C-alpha cells in the first residue's frame, strides 16, 4: 500500500487496539520490502523517540509500506 493508505490503516488499528496491546507493542509504518523494513525496525529500536510516521519514507526505495507491530523491549 502507499504511504497514505498505510497511515489510514495505522490510524484505524490504533482506534481498535486495546490499551494493554498498545503498552506491549509498537505499531509502526514500515517499508513493505523485507530488507528495508528490517533496517528501519533495527534503527527504530535504537531510539523510538526519534521516529515519527514519516520516518519510514526515507527507508523505502519503492514507496510501498505496511503497518507492523512488534514487542516493545523491556527496560
PDB file of N, CA and C in Angstrom:
ATOM      1  N   UNK A   1       0.848  -1.181   0.000  1.00  0.00           N
ATOM      2  CA  UNK A   1       0.000   0.000   0.000  1.00  0.00           C
ATOM      3  C   UNK A   1       0.886   1.234   0.000  1.00  0.00           C
ATOM      4  N   UNK A   2       0.348   2.329  -0.477  1.00  0.00           N
ATOM      5  CA  UNK A   2       1.141   3.555  -0.472  1.00  0.00           C
ATOM      6  C   UNK A   2       1.150   4.153   0.952  1.00  0.00           C
ATOM      7  N   UNK A   3       1.903   5.234   1.131  1.00  0.00           N
ATOM      8  CA  UNK A   3       2.050   5.816   2.467  1.00  0.00           C
ATOM      9  C   UNK A   3       0.705   6.272   3.046  1.00  0.00           C
ATOM     10  N   UNK A   4      -0.114   6.943   2.261  1.00  0.00           N
ATOM     11  CA  UNK A   4      -1.396   7.453   2.771  1.00  0.00           C
ATOM     12  C   UNK A   4      -2.317   6.309   3.197  1.00  0.00           C
ATOM     13  N   UNK A   5      -2.317   5.218   2.437  1.00  0.00           N
ATOM     14  CA  UNK A   5      -3.119   4.048   2.806  1.00  0.00           C
ATOM     15  C   UNK A   5      -2.602   3.433   4.110  1.00  0.00           C
ATOM     16  N   UNK A   6      -1.287   3.357   4.240  1.00  0.00           N
ATOM     17  CA  UNK A   6      -0.690   2.799   5.456  1.00  0.00           C
ATOM     18  C   UNK A   6      -1.001   3.685   6.663  1.00  0.00           C
ATOM     19  N   UNK A   7      -0.959   4.979   6.473  1.00  0.00           N
ATOM     20  CA  UNK A   7      -1.266   5.916   7.553  1.00  0.00           C
ATOM     21  C   UNK A   7      -2.717   5.731   8.028  1.00  0.00           C
ATOM     22  N   UNK A   8      -3.640   5.593   7.098  1.00  0.00           N
ATOM     23  CA  UNK A   8      -5.042   5.366   7.441  1.00  0.00           C
ATOM     24  C   UNK A   8      -5.216   4.021   8.147  1.00  0.00           C
ATOM     25  N   UNK A   9      -4.529   2.994   7.668  1.00  0.00           N
ATOM     26  CA  UNK A   9      -4.609   1.672   8.289  1.00  0.00           C
ATOM     27  C   UNK A   9      -4.081   1.718   9.729  1.00  0.00           C
ATOM     28  N   UNK A  10      -2.979   2.430   9.937  1.00  0.00           N
ATOM     29  CA  UNK A  10      -2.424   2.551  11.286  1.00  0.00           C
ATOM     30  C   UNK A  10      -3.412   3.282  12.195  1.00  0.00           C
ATOM     31  N   UNK A  11      -4.012   4.350  11.705  1.00  0.00           N
ATOM     32  CA  UNK A  11      -4.983   5.114  12.483  1.00  0.00           C
ATOM     33  C   UNK A  11      -6.150   4.219  12.918  1.00  0.00           C
ATOM     34  N   UNK A  12      -6.669   3.434  11.992  1.00  0.00           N
ATOM     35  CA  UNK A  12      -7.772   2.527  12.311  1.00  0.00           C
ATOM     36  C   UNK A  12      -7.339   1.453  13.301  1.00  0.00           C
ATOM     37  N   UNK A  13      -6.133   0.941  13.137  1.00  0.00           N
ATOM     38  CA  UNK A  13      -5.614  -0.085  14.041  1.00  0.00           C
ATOM     39  C   UNK A  13      -5.469   0.454  15.460  1.00  0.00           C
ATOM     40  N   UNK A  14      -4.977   1.679  15.588  1.00  0.00           N
ATOM     41  CA  UNK A  14      -4.829   2.289  16.912  1.00  0.00           C
ATOM     42  C   UNK A  14      -6.187   2.508  17.578  1.00  0.00           C
ATOM     43  N   UNK A  15      -7.187   2.881  16.793  1.00  0.00           N
ATOM     44  CA  UNK A  15      -8.526   3.098  17.345  1.00  0.00           C
ATOM     45  C   UNK A  15      -9.137   1.794  17.844  1.00  0.00           C
ATOM     46  N   UNK A  16      -8.815   0.691  17.195  1.00  0.00           N
ATOM     47  CA  UNK A  16      -9.401  -0.599  17.537  1.00  0.00           C
ATOM     48  C   UNK A  16      -8.585  -1.398  18.544  1.00  0.00           C
ATOM     49  N   UNK A  17      -7.387  -0.940  18.858  1.00  0.00           N
ATOM     50  CA  UNK A  17      -6.493  -1.697  19.738  1.00  0.00           C
ATOM     51  C   UNK A  17      -6.844  -1.486  21.207  1.00  0.00           C
ATOM     52  N   UNK A  18      -6.677  -2.529  21.965  1.00  0.00           N
ATOM     53  CA  UNK A  18      -6.849  -2.485  23.418  1.00  0.00           C
ATOM     54  C   UNK A  18      -5.650  -1.772  24.041  1.00  0.00           C
ATOM     55  N   UNK A  19      -5.874  -1.048  25.142  1.00  0.00           N
ATOM     56  CA  UNK A  19      -4.787  -0.309  25.794  1.00  0.00           C
ATOM     57  C   UNK A  19      -3.625  -1.210  26.195  1.00  0.00           C
ATOM     58  N   UNK A  20      -3.919  -2.419  26.653  1.00  0.00           N
ATOM     59  CA  UNK A  20      -2.835  -3.314  27.065  1.00  0.00           C
ATOM     60  C   UNK A  20      -1.968  -3.712  25.871  1.00  0.00           C
ATOM     61  N   UNK A  21      -2.573  -3.841  24.708  1.00  0.00           N
ATOM     62  CA  UNK A  21      -1.813  -4.156  23.497  1.00  0.00           C
ATOM     63  C   UNK A  21      -0.894  -2.991  23.143  1.00  0.00           C
ATOM     64  N   UNK A  22      -1.418  -1.770  23.265  1.00  0.00           N
ATOM     65  CA  UNK A  22      -0.614  -0.593  22.943  1.00  0.00           C
ATOM     66  C   UNK A  22       0.567  -0.431  23.892  1.00  0.00           C
ATOM     67  N   UNK A  23       0.425  -0.894  25.125  1.00  0.00           N
ATOM     68  CA  UNK A  23       1.527  -0.813  26.086  1.00  0.00           C
ATOM     69  C   UNK A  23       2.611  -1.844  25.794  1.00  0.00           C
ATOM     70  N   UNK A  24       2.230  -2.952  25.164  1.00  0.00           N
ATOM     71  CA  UNK A  24       3.171  -4.051  24.939  1.00  0.00           C
ATOM     72  C   UNK A  24       3.808  -4.039  23.550  1.00  0.00           C
ATOM     73  N   UNK A  25       3.173  -3.362  22.585  1.00  0.00           N
ATOM     74  CA  UNK A  25       3.642  -3.434  21.207  1.00  0.00           C
ATOM     75  C   UNK A  25       3.820  -2.061  20.581  1.00  0.00           C
ATOM     76  N   UNK A  26       4.836  -1.958  19.722  1.00  0.00           N
ATOM     77  CA  UNK A  26       4.976  -0.804  18.831  1.00  0.00           C
ATOM     78  C   UNK A  26       4.094  -1.081  17.622  1.00  0.00           C
ATOM     79  N   UNK A  27       3.437  -0.068  17.122  1.00  0.00           N
ATOM     80  CA  UNK A  27       2.673  -0.164  15.876  1.00  0.00           C
ATOM     81  C   UNK A  27       3.210   0.927  14.965  1.00  0.00           C
ATOM     82  N   UNK A  28       3.892   0.518  13.905  1.00  0.00           N
ATOM     83  CA  UNK A  28       4.581   1.485  13.047  1.00  0.00           C
ATOM     84  C   UNK A  28       4.315   1.205  11.576  1.00  0.00           C
ATOM     85  N   UNK A  29       4.522   2.233  10.774  1.00  0.00           N
ATOM     86  CA  UNK A  29       4.513   2.091   9.322  1.00  0.00           C
ATOM     87  C   UNK A  29       5.948   1.797   8.910  1.00  0.00           C
ATOM     88  N   UNK A  30       6.125   0.715   8.159  1.00  0.00           N
ATOM     89  CA  UNK A  30       7.457   0.295   7.731  1.00  0.00           C
ATOM     90  C   UNK A  30       7.433   0.008   6.232  1.00  0.00           C
ATOM     91  N   UNK A  31       8.601   0.062   5.589  1.00  0.00           N
ATOM     92  CA  UNK A  31       8.657  -0.301   4.174  1.00  0.00           C
ATOM     93  C   UNK A  31       8.152  -1.733   3.970  1.00  0.00           C
ATOM     94  N   UNK A  32       7.478  -1.978   2.861  1.00  0.00           N
ATOM     95  CA  UNK A  32       6.978  -3.323   2.560  1.00  0.00           C
ATOM     96  C   UNK A  32       8.118  -4.272   2.185  1.00  0.00           C
ATOM     97  N   UNK A  33       9.192  -3.735   1.627  1.00  0.00           N
ATOM     98  CA  UNK A  33      10.364  -4.535   1.283  1.00  0.00           C
ATOM     99  C   UNK A  33      10.995  -5.084   2.562  1.00  0.00           C
ATOM    100  N   UNK A  34      11.216  -6.382   2.626  1.00  0.00           N
ATOM    101  CA  UNK A  34      11.688  -7.038   3.851  1.00  0.00           C
ATOM    102  C   UNK A  34      13.026  -6.489   4.340  1.00  0.00           C
ATOM    103  N   UNK A  35      13.988  -6.336   3.446  1.00  0.00           N
ATOM    104  CA  UNK A  35      15.312  -5.839   3.855  1.00  0.00           C
ATOM    105  C   UNK A  35      15.223  -4.399   4.366  1.00  0.00           C
ATOM    106  N   UNK A  36      14.450  -3.576   3.667  1.00  0.00           N
ATOM    107  CA  UNK A  36      14.291  -2.182   4.091  1.00  0.00           C
ATOM    108  C   UNK A  36      13.534  -2.102   5.407  1.00  0.00           C
ATOM    109  N   UNK A  37      12.549  -2.965   5.586  1.00  0.00           N
ATOM    110  CA  UNK A  37      11.783  -2.995   6.829  1.00  0.00           C
ATOM    111  C   UNK A  37      12.680  -3.380   8.009  1.00  0.00           C
ATOM    112  N   UNK A  38      13.529  -4.374   7.813  1.00  0.00           N
ATOM    113  CA  UNK A  38      14.441  -4.799   8.876  1.00  0.00           C
ATOM    114  C   UNK A  38      15.366  -3.658   9.290  1.00  0.00           C
ATOM    115  N   UNK A  39      15.927  -2.957   8.306  1.00  0.00           N
ATOM    116  CA  UNK A  39      16.821  -1.828   8.596  1.00  0.00           C
ATOM    117  C   UNK A  39      16.061  -0.746   9.365  1.00  0.00           C
ATOM    118  N   UNK A  40      14.834  -0.439   8.915  1.00  0.00           N
ATOM    119  CA  UNK A  40      14.015   0.565   9.588  1.00  0.00           C
ATOM    120  C   UNK A  40      13.733   0.165  11.033  1.00  0.00           C
ATOM    121  N   UNK A  41      13.306  -1.076  11.257  1.00  0.00           N
ATOM    122  CA  UNK A  41      12.962  -1.523  12.616  1.00  0.00           C
ATOM    123  C   UNK A  41      14.202  -1.560  13.502  1.00  0.00           C
ATOM    124  N   UNK A  42      15.334  -2.017  12.966  1.00  0.00           N
ATOM    125  CA  UNK A  42      16.581  -2.019  13.746  1.00  0.00           C
ATOM    126  C   UNK A  42      16.935  -0.607  14.198  1.00  0.00           C
ATOM    127  N   UNK A  43      16.851   0.364  13.293  1.00  0.00           N
ATOM    128  CA  UNK A  43      17.157   1.752  13.647  1.00  0.00           C
ATOM    129  C   UNK A  43      16.107   2.311  14.612  1.00  0.00           C
ATOM    130  N   UNK A  44      14.849   1.987  14.374  1.00  0.00           N
ATOM    131  CA  UNK A  44      13.762   2.439  15.244  1.00  0.00           C
ATOM    132  C   UNK A  44      13.990   1.972  16.682  1.00  0.00           C
ATOM    133  N   UNK A  45      14.378   0.729  16.853  1.00  0.00           N
ATOM    134  CA  UNK A  45      14.552   0.158  18.200  1.00  0.00           C
ATOM    135  C   UNK A  45      15.699   0.820  18.962  1.00  0.00           C
ATOM    136  N   UNK A  46      16.655   1.400  18.258  1.00  0.00           N
ATOM    137  CA  UNK A  46      17.765   2.077  18.927  1.00  0.00           C
ATOM    138  C   UNK A  46      17.283   3.320  19.662  1.00  0.00           C
ATOM    139  N   UNK A  47      16.293   4.022  19.099  1.00  0.00           N
ATOM    140  CA  UNK A  47      15.783   5.248  19.706  1.00  0.00           C
ATOM    141  C   UNK A  47      14.399   5.591  19.137  1.00  0.00           C
ATOM    142  N   UNK A  48      13.347   4.906  19.623  1.00  0.00           N
ATOM    143  CA  UNK A  48      11.997   5.111  19.076  1.00  0.00           C
ATOM    144  C   UNK A  48      11.510   6.552  19.115  1.00  0.00           C
ATOM    145  N   UNK A  49      11.979   7.328  20.069  1.00  0.00           N
ATOM    146  CA  UNK A  49      11.524   8.715  20.207  1.00  0.00           C
ATOM    147  C   UNK A  49      11.948   9.594  19.024  1.00  0.00           C
ATOM    148  N   UNK A  50      12.967   9.174  18.290  1.00  0.00           N
ATOM    149  CA  UNK A  50      13.449   9.955  17.147  1.00  0.00           C
ATOM    150  C   UNK A  50      12.606   9.741  15.893  1.00  0.00           C
ATOM    151  N   UNK A  51      11.684   8.785  15.937  1.00  0.00           N
ATOM    152  CA  UNK A  51      10.930   8.416  14.746  1.00  0.00           C
ATOM    153  C   UNK A  51       9.479   8.890  14.829  1.00  0.00           C
ATOM    154  N   UNK A  52       8.950   9.303  13.659  1.00  0.00           N
ATOM    155  CA  UNK A  52       7.523   9.578  13.534  1.00  0.00           C
ATOM    156  C   UNK A  52       7.016   8.778  12.331  1.00  0.00           C
ATOM    157  N   UNK A  53       5.744   8.911  12.008  1.00  0.00           N
ATOM    158  CA  UNK A  53       5.181   8.113  10.921  1.00  0.00           C
ATOM    159  C   UNK A  53       5.910   8.317   9.601  1.00  0.00           C
ATOM    160  N   UNK A  54       6.355   9.529   9.336  1.00  0.00           N
ATOM    161  CA  UNK A  54       7.010   9.817   8.053  1.00  0.00           C
ATOM    162  C   UNK A  54       8.444   9.318   7.980  1.00  0.00           C
ATOM    163  N   UNK A  55       9.019   8.922   9.098  1.00  0.00           N
ATOM    164  CA  UNK A  55      10.405   8.446   9.108  1.00  0.00           C
ATOM    165  C   UNK A  55      10.610   7.250   8.186  1.00  0.00           C
ATOM    166  N   UNK A  56       9.569   6.456   8.015  1.00  0.00           N
ATOM    167  CA  UNK A  56       9.695   5.252   7.182  1.00  0.00           C
ATOM    168  C   UNK A  56       9.971   5.586   5.726  1.00  0.00           C
ATOM    169  N   UNK A  57       9.587   6.771   5.283  1.00  0.00           N
ATOM    170  CA  UNK A  57       9.718   7.127   3.866  1.00  0.00           C
ATOM    171  C   UNK A  57      11.169   7.075   3.383  1.00  0.00           C
ATOM    172  N   UNK A  58      12.111   7.483   4.230  1.00  0.00           N
ATOM    173  CA  UNK A  58      13.500   7.512   3.778  1.00  0.00           C
ATOM    174  C   UNK A  58      14.133   6.117   3.704  1.00  0.00           C
ATOM    175  N   UNK A  59      13.429   5.112   4.224  1.00  0.00           N
ATOM    176  CA  UNK A  59      13.933   3.738   4.169  1.00  0.00           C
ATOM    177  C   UNK A  59      13.368   2.963   2.977  1.00  0.00           C
ATOM    178  N   UNK A  60      12.361   3.503   2.323  1.00  0.00           N
ATOM    179  CA  UNK A  60      11.687   2.792   1.240  1.00  0.00           C
ATOM    180  C   UNK A  60      12.189   3.245  -0.127  1.00  0.00           C
ATOM    181  N   UNK A  61      12.567   2.273  -0.943  1.00  0.00           N
ATOM    182  CA  UNK A  61      13.033   2.595  -2.288  1.00  0.00           C
ATOM    183  C   UNK A  61      11.900   2.574  -3.316  1.00  0.00           C
ATOM    184  N   UNK A  62      10.756   1.964  -2.959  1.00  0.00           N
ATOM    185  CA  UNK A  62       9.679   1.814  -3.936  1.00  0.00           C
ATOM    186  C   UNK A  62       8.353   2.476  -3.551  1.00  0.00           C
ATOM    187  N   UNK A  63       8.284   3.076  -2.352  1.00  0.00           N
ATOM    188  CA  UNK A  63       7.063   3.777  -1.950  1.00  0.00           C
ATOM    189  C   UNK A  63       5.936   2.876  -1.489  1.00  0.00           C
ATOM    190  N   UNK A  64       6.251   1.614  -1.194  1.00  0.00           N
ATOM    191  CA  UNK A  64       5.244   0.689  -0.674  1.00  0.00           C
ATOM    192  C   UNK A  64       5.501   0.425   0.801  1.00  0.00           C
ATOM    193  N   UNK A  65       4.419   0.401   1.573  1.00  0.00           N
ATOM    194  CA  UNK A  65       4.523   0.304   3.031  1.00  0.00           C
ATOM    195  C   UNK A  65       3.524  -0.703   3.578  1.00  0.00           C
ATOM    196  N   UNK A  66       3.739  -1.065   4.841  1.00  0.00           N
ATOM    197  CA  UNK A  66       2.814  -1.896   5.584  1.00  0.00           C
ATOM    198  C   UNK A  66       2.826  -1.439   7.033  1.00  0.00           C
ATOM    199  N   UNK A  67       1.781  -1.777   7.743  1.00  0.00           N
ATOM    200  CA  UNK A  67       1.722  -1.472   9.170  1.00  0.00           C
ATOM    201  C   UNK A  67       2.137  -2.738   9.904  1.00  0.00           C
ATOM    202  N   UNK A  68       3.117  -2.610  10.766  1.00  0.00           N
ATOM    203  CA  UNK A  68       3.633  -3.762  11.504  1.00  0.00           C
ATOM    204  C   UNK A  68       3.597  -3.498  12.997  1.00  0.00           C
ATOM    205  N   UNK A  69       3.512  -4.572  13.753  1.00  0.00           N
ATOM    206  CA  UNK A  69       3.590  -4.451  15.208  1.00  0.00           C
ATOM    207  C   UNK A  69       4.645  -5.438  15.697  1.00  0.00           C
ATOM    208  N   UNK A  70       5.319  -5.049  16.768  1.00  0.00           N
ATOM    209  CA  UNK A  70       6.325  -5.909  17.370  1.00  0.00           C
ATOM    210  C   UNK A  70       6.490  -5.518  18.827  1.00  0.00           C
ATOM    211  N   UNK A  71       6.971  -6.467  19.622  1.00  0.00           N
ATOM    212  CA  UNK A  71       7.097  -6.258  21.072  1.00  0.00           C
ATOM    213  C   UNK A  71       7.988  -5.083  21.411  1.00  0.00           C
ATOM    214  N   UNK A  72       7.565  -4.346  22.422  1.00  0.00           N
ATOM    215  CA  UNK A  72       8.426  -3.313  22.978  1.00  0.00           C
ATOM    216  C   UNK A  72       9.449  -4.001  23.858  1.00  0.00           C
ATOM    217  N   UNK A  73      10.652  -3.519  23.841  1.00  0.00           N
ATOM    218  CA  UNK A  73      11.725  -4.095  24.667  1.00  0.00           C
ATOM    219  C   UNK A  73      11.522  -3.675  26.105  1.00  0.00           C
ATOM    220  N   UNK A  74      11.816  -4.591  27.005  1.00  0.00           N
ATOM    221  CA  UNK A  74      11.765  -4.274  28.434  1.00  0.00           C
ATOM    222  C   UNK A  74      12.975  -3.430  28.783  1.00  0.00           C
ATOM    223  N   UNK A  75      12.756  -2.405  29.614  1.00  0.00           N
ATOM    224  CA  UNK A  75      13.879  -1.553  30.023  1.00  0.00           C
ATOM    225  C   UNK A  75      14.360  -1.929  31.384  1.00  0.00           C
TER     226      UNK A  75
END
